[in-house]
Amino acid sequence: MRERKVEDYLRQQVMRAGGLCEKHVSPGTWGVPDRLVTYQGKMFLVELKSPTGTLTNHQIRDHQMRLLRGVTVYVLNSKEAVDAWISKLEGKEL
């Protein structure tokens, strides 16, 4: 499965749950997460990968920089991972 399919599936599932799933871009900055999810007053950063995809060094550095500031970047690499994340989101476990 391609990364784009996982990304499309995430967008569909977030919208089904009543949230927003926007493309996240930061011109001139490498490694930023793919999507900004807004759901019930909270925002989440999500990086999408194919099942065999790996994070680049730029992405690893970006995620570590955000974690040091108290922000988690969720990495999802399959429809099953999206379903599990959405379930946690809806159950307010995130």
N, C-alpha and C. Protein backbone atom coordinates (compact mmCIF):
# COMPACT_ATOMS: atom_id res chain seq x y z
N MET A 1 0.83 -1.18 0.00
CA MET A 1 0.00 0.00 0.00
C MET A 1 0.89 1.25 0.00
N ARG A 2 0.50 2.22 -0.76
CA ARG A 2 1.27 3.46 -0.87
C ARG A 2 0.92 4.42 0.27
N GLU A 3 1.86 5.29 0.57
CA GLU A 3 1.65 6.29 1.61
C GLU A 3 0.41 7.13 1.34
N ARG A 4 0.20 7.48 0.10
CA ARG A 4 -0.95 8.32 -0.27
C ARG A 4 -2.28 7.66 0.12
N LYS A 5 -2.36 6.34 -0.02
CA LYS A 5 -3.58 5.62 0.36
C LYS A 5 -3.82 5.71 1.87
N VAL A 6 -2.74 5.59 2.64
CA VAL A 6 -2.86 5.70 4.10
C VAL A 6 -3.30 7.13 4.45
N GLU A 7 -2.72 8.10 3.78
CA GLU A 7 -3.07 9.51 4.04
C GLU A 7 -4.53 9.80 3.69
N ASP A 8 -4.97 9.32 2.55
CA ASP A 8 -6.38 9.50 2.15
C ASP A 8 -7.32 8.84 3.15
N TYR A 9 -6.95 7.66 3.61
CA TYR A 9 -7.78 6.93 4.56
C TYR A 9 -7.86 7.70 5.89
N LEU A 10 -6.73 8.24 6.35
CA LEU A 10 -6.73 9.04 7.57
C LEU A 10 -7.68 10.22 7.42
N ARG A 11 -7.58 10.94 6.32
CA ARG A 11 -8.43 12.10 6.09
C ARG A 11 -9.91 11.70 6.14
N GLN A 12 -10.25 10.63 5.47
CA GLN A 12 -11.64 10.17 5.45
C GLN A 12 -12.13 9.80 6.85
N GLN A 13 -11.32 9.10 7.61
CA GLN A 13 -11.73 8.64 8.94
C GLN A 13 -11.84 9.79 9.94
N VAL A 14 -10.93 10.76 9.84
CA VAL A 14 -11.01 11.93 10.72
C VAL A 14 -12.26 12.73 10.41
N MET A 15 -12.54 12.92 9.14
CA MET A 15 -13.74 13.67 8.75
C MET A 15 -14.99 12.92 9.18
N ARG A 16 -15.01 11.59 9.05
CA ARG A 16 -16.14 10.77 9.49
C ARG A 16 -16.38 10.96 10.98
N ALA A 17 -15.30 11.11 11.75
CA ALA A 17 -15.41 11.28 13.20
C ALA A 17 -15.78 12.71 13.59
N GLY A 18 -15.84 13.60 12.59
CA GLY A 18 -16.23 14.98 12.88
C GLY A 18 -15.07 15.95 13.05
N GLY A 19 -13.88 15.52 12.67
CA GLY A 19 -12.71 16.38 12.80
C GLY A 19 -12.27 16.96 11.47
N LEU A 20 -11.20 17.73 11.53
CA LEU A 20 -10.56 18.28 10.35
C LEU A 20 -9.20 17.61 10.18
N CYS A 21 -8.80 17.42 8.93
CA CYS A 21 -7.51 16.80 8.64
C CYS A 21 -6.88 17.58 7.50
N GLU A 22 -6.01 18.51 7.86
CA GLU A 22 -5.44 19.42 6.89
C GLU A 22 -3.99 19.07 6.56
N LYS A 23 -3.63 19.32 5.32
CA LYS A 23 -2.24 19.14 4.90
C LYS A 23 -1.40 20.16 5.65
N HIS A 24 -0.31 19.74 6.21
CA HIS A 24 0.58 20.62 6.96
C HIS A 24 1.84 20.85 6.16
N VAL A 25 2.08 22.10 5.80
CA VAL A 25 3.30 22.45 5.08
C VAL A 25 3.96 23.64 5.76
N SER A 26 5.25 23.70 5.68
CA SER A 26 6.02 24.82 6.22
C SER A 26 7.13 25.11 5.22
N PRO A 27 6.85 26.01 4.28
CA PRO A 27 7.84 26.30 3.22
C PRO A 27 9.22 26.60 3.79
N GLY A 28 10.21 25.94 3.22
CA GLY A 28 11.59 26.14 3.64
C GLY A 28 12.02 25.27 4.81
N THR A 29 11.11 24.48 5.34
CA THR A 29 11.43 23.60 6.47
C THR A 29 11.22 22.16 6.05
N TRP A 30 12.24 21.34 6.21
CA TRP A 30 12.15 19.93 5.85
C TRP A 30 11.73 19.11 7.05
N GLY A 31 10.98 18.05 6.79
CA GLY A 31 10.69 17.07 7.82
C GLY A 31 9.44 17.32 8.63
N VAL A 32 8.65 18.36 8.29
CA VAL A 32 7.45 18.62 9.08
C VAL A 32 6.42 17.51 8.85
N PRO A 33 5.59 17.23 9.86
CA PRO A 33 4.57 16.19 9.72
C PRO A 33 3.60 16.49 8.58
N ASP A 34 3.00 15.43 8.03
CA ASP A 34 2.13 15.55 6.86
C ASP A 34 0.79 16.21 7.14
N ARG A 35 0.18 15.91 8.27
CA ARG A 35 -1.19 16.35 8.52
C ARG A 35 -1.35 16.97 9.91
N LEU A 36 -2.25 17.96 9.97
CA LEU A 36 -2.67 18.59 11.21
C LEU A 36 -4.12 18.18 11.42
N VAL A 37 -4.37 17.43 12.48
CA VAL A 37 -5.72 16.94 12.78
C VAL A 37 -6.29 17.78 13.92
N THR A 38 -7.50 18.31 13.71
CA THR A 38 -8.22 19.05 14.74
C THR A 38 -9.45 18.23 15.11
N TYR A 39 -9.58 17.95 16.41
CA TYR A 39 -10.69 17.12 16.86
C TYR A 39 -11.08 17.52 18.28
N GLN A 40 -12.30 17.93 18.46
CA GLN A 40 -12.86 18.28 19.77
C GLN A 40 -11.94 19.18 20.59
N GLY A 41 -11.51 20.28 19.98
CA GLY A 41 -10.72 21.28 20.69
C GLY A 41 -9.25 20.98 20.84
N LYS A 42 -8.78 19.90 20.24
CA LYS A 42 -7.35 19.56 20.33
C LYS A 42 -6.78 19.43 18.93
N MET A 43 -5.46 19.61 18.84
CA MET A 43 -4.77 19.47 17.56
C MET A 43 -3.66 18.43 17.70
N PHE A 44 -3.50 17.66 16.63
CA PHE A 44 -2.52 16.57 16.61
C PHE A 44 -1.73 16.64 15.32
N LEU A 45 -0.44 16.35 15.39
CA LEU A 45 0.40 16.26 14.20
C LEU A 45 0.59 14.79 13.85
N VAL A 46 0.39 14.49 12.56
CA VAL A 46 0.46 13.10 12.11
C VAL A 46 1.39 12.98 10.91
N GLU A 47 2.29 12.04 10.97
CA GLU A 47 3.18 11.69 9.85
C GLU A 47 2.67 10.39 9.26
N LEU A 48 2.53 10.34 7.96
CA LEU A 48 2.06 9.13 7.28
C LEU A 48 3.21 8.47 6.54
N LYS A 49 3.22 7.15 6.57
CA LYS A 49 4.20 6.34 5.86
C LYS A 49 3.51 5.14 5.24
N SER A 50 4.14 4.57 4.24
CA SER A 50 3.67 3.29 3.73
C SER A 50 4.08 2.23 4.76
N PRO A 51 3.52 1.03 4.67
CA PRO A 51 3.90 -0.02 5.63
C PRO A 51 5.40 -0.30 5.67
N THR A 52 6.10 -0.06 4.57
CA THR A 52 7.54 -0.32 4.55
C THR A 52 8.36 0.97 4.62
N GLY A 53 7.69 2.11 4.72
CA GLY A 53 8.39 3.39 4.74
C GLY A 53 9.08 3.66 6.07
N THR A 54 10.12 4.45 6.01
CA THR A 54 10.84 4.83 7.22
C THR A 54 10.97 6.34 7.29
N LEU A 55 11.15 6.85 8.49
CA LEU A 55 11.33 8.29 8.68
C LEU A 55 12.70 8.72 8.15
N THR A 56 12.73 9.90 7.54
CA THR A 56 14.01 10.46 7.11
C THR A 56 14.70 11.09 8.31
N ASN A 57 15.99 11.40 8.17
CA ASN A 57 16.72 12.06 9.26
C ASN A 57 16.09 13.40 9.59
N HIS A 58 15.61 14.14 8.59
CA HIS A 58 14.95 15.43 8.82
C HIS A 58 13.68 15.24 9.64
N GLN A 59 12.93 14.20 9.34
CA GLN A 59 11.69 13.94 10.08
C GLN A 59 12.00 13.53 11.52
N ILE A 60 12.99 12.71 11.71
CA ILE A 60 13.38 12.29 13.06
C ILE A 60 13.77 13.51 13.89
N ARG A 61 14.58 14.40 13.33
CA ARG A 61 15.00 15.61 14.04
C ARG A 61 13.79 16.50 14.36
N ASP A 62 12.90 16.66 13.38
CA ASP A 62 11.71 17.49 13.60
C ASP A 62 10.84 16.92 14.72
N HIS A 63 10.61 15.62 14.70
CA HIS A 63 9.78 14.99 15.72
C HIS A 63 10.42 15.11 17.10
N GLN A 64 11.74 14.94 17.17
CA GLN A 64 12.45 15.08 18.45
C GLN A 64 12.36 16.51 18.97
N MET A 65 12.50 17.49 18.08
CA MET A 65 12.41 18.90 18.45
C MET A 65 11.03 19.20 19.04
N ARG A 66 9.99 18.65 18.42
CA ARG A 66 8.63 18.87 18.91
C ARG A 66 8.40 18.16 20.24
N LEU A 67 8.92 16.95 20.37
CA LEU A 67 8.75 16.19 21.61
C LEU A 67 9.40 16.93 22.79
N LEU A 68 10.54 17.56 22.56
CA LEU A 68 11.20 18.35 23.60
C LEU A 68 10.33 19.52 24.05
N ARG A 69 9.40 19.92 23.20
CA ARG A 69 8.48 21.01 23.51
C ARG A 69 7.10 20.51 23.91
N GLY A 70 7.01 19.21 24.16
CA GLY A 70 5.77 18.63 24.67
C GLY A 70 4.75 18.24 23.62
N VAL A 71 5.15 18.16 22.35
CA VAL A 71 4.23 17.81 21.28
C VAL A 71 4.64 16.47 20.66
N THR A 72 3.70 15.54 20.62
CA THR A 72 3.93 14.24 20.03
C THR A 72 3.53 14.26 18.56
N VAL A 73 4.34 13.67 17.71
CA VAL A 73 3.97 13.45 16.31
C VAL A 73 3.63 11.97 16.19
N TYR A 74 2.41 11.69 15.77
CA TYR A 74 1.96 10.32 15.62
C TYR A 74 2.33 9.82 14.22
N VAL A 75 2.98 8.68 14.14
CA VAL A 75 3.39 8.09 12.87
C VAL A 75 2.49 6.90 12.58
N LEU A 76 1.77 6.99 11.46
CA LEU A 76 0.83 5.94 11.07
C LEU A 76 1.23 5.38 9.72
N ASN A 77 1.25 4.04 9.60
CA ASN A 77 1.76 3.44 8.37
C ASN A 77 0.84 2.40 7.74
N SER A 78 -0.42 2.36 8.17
CA SER A 78 -1.37 1.41 7.59
C SER A 78 -2.78 1.82 7.95
N LYS A 79 -3.76 1.23 7.27
CA LYS A 79 -5.15 1.49 7.62
C LYS A 79 -5.44 1.01 9.03
N GLU A 80 -4.84 -0.10 9.42
CA GLU A 80 -5.04 -0.63 10.76
C GLU A 80 -4.50 0.33 11.82
N ALA A 81 -3.34 0.94 11.53
CA ALA A 81 -2.77 1.92 12.46
C ALA A 81 -3.66 3.16 12.55
N VAL A 82 -4.23 3.57 11.41
CA VAL A 82 -5.17 4.71 11.41
C VAL A 82 -6.39 4.36 12.24
N ASP A 83 -6.96 3.17 12.04
CA ASP A 83 -8.14 2.76 12.80
C ASP A 83 -7.86 2.75 14.30
N ALA A 84 -6.72 2.23 14.70
CA ALA A 84 -6.35 2.19 16.12
C ALA A 84 -6.19 3.60 16.68
N TRP A 85 -5.57 4.49 15.91
CA TRP A 85 -5.36 5.87 16.35
C TRP A 85 -6.70 6.60 16.47
N ILE A 86 -7.58 6.43 15.49
CA ILE A 86 -8.91 7.05 15.52
C ILE A 86 -9.70 6.53 16.73
N SER A 87 -9.59 5.26 17.02
CA SER A 87 -10.28 4.68 18.17
C SER A 87 -9.80 5.34 19.47
N LYS A 88 -8.50 5.55 19.59
CA LYS A 88 -7.95 6.24 20.77
C LYS A 88 -8.41 7.69 20.79
N LEU A 89 -8.45 8.33 19.64
CA LEU A 89 -8.88 9.71 19.53
C LEU A 89 -10.33 9.85 20.02
N GLU A 90 -11.18 8.98 19.52
CA GLU A 90 -12.60 9.02 19.88
C GLU A 90 -12.81 8.64 21.34
N GLY A 91 -11.94 7.78 21.86
CA GLY A 91 -12.03 7.38 23.27
C GLY A 91 -11.33 8.35 24.20
N LYS A 92 -10.79 9.43 23.64
CA LYS A 92 -10.10 10.49 24.39
C LYS A 92 -8.91 9.96 25.16
N GLU A 93 -8.21 8.99 24.56
CA GLU A 93 -7.01 8.44 25.19
C GLU A 93 -5.76 9.19 24.76
N LEU A 94 -5.88 10.10 23.79
CA LEU A 94 -4.71 10.84 23.31
C LEU A 94 -4.61 12.18 23.99
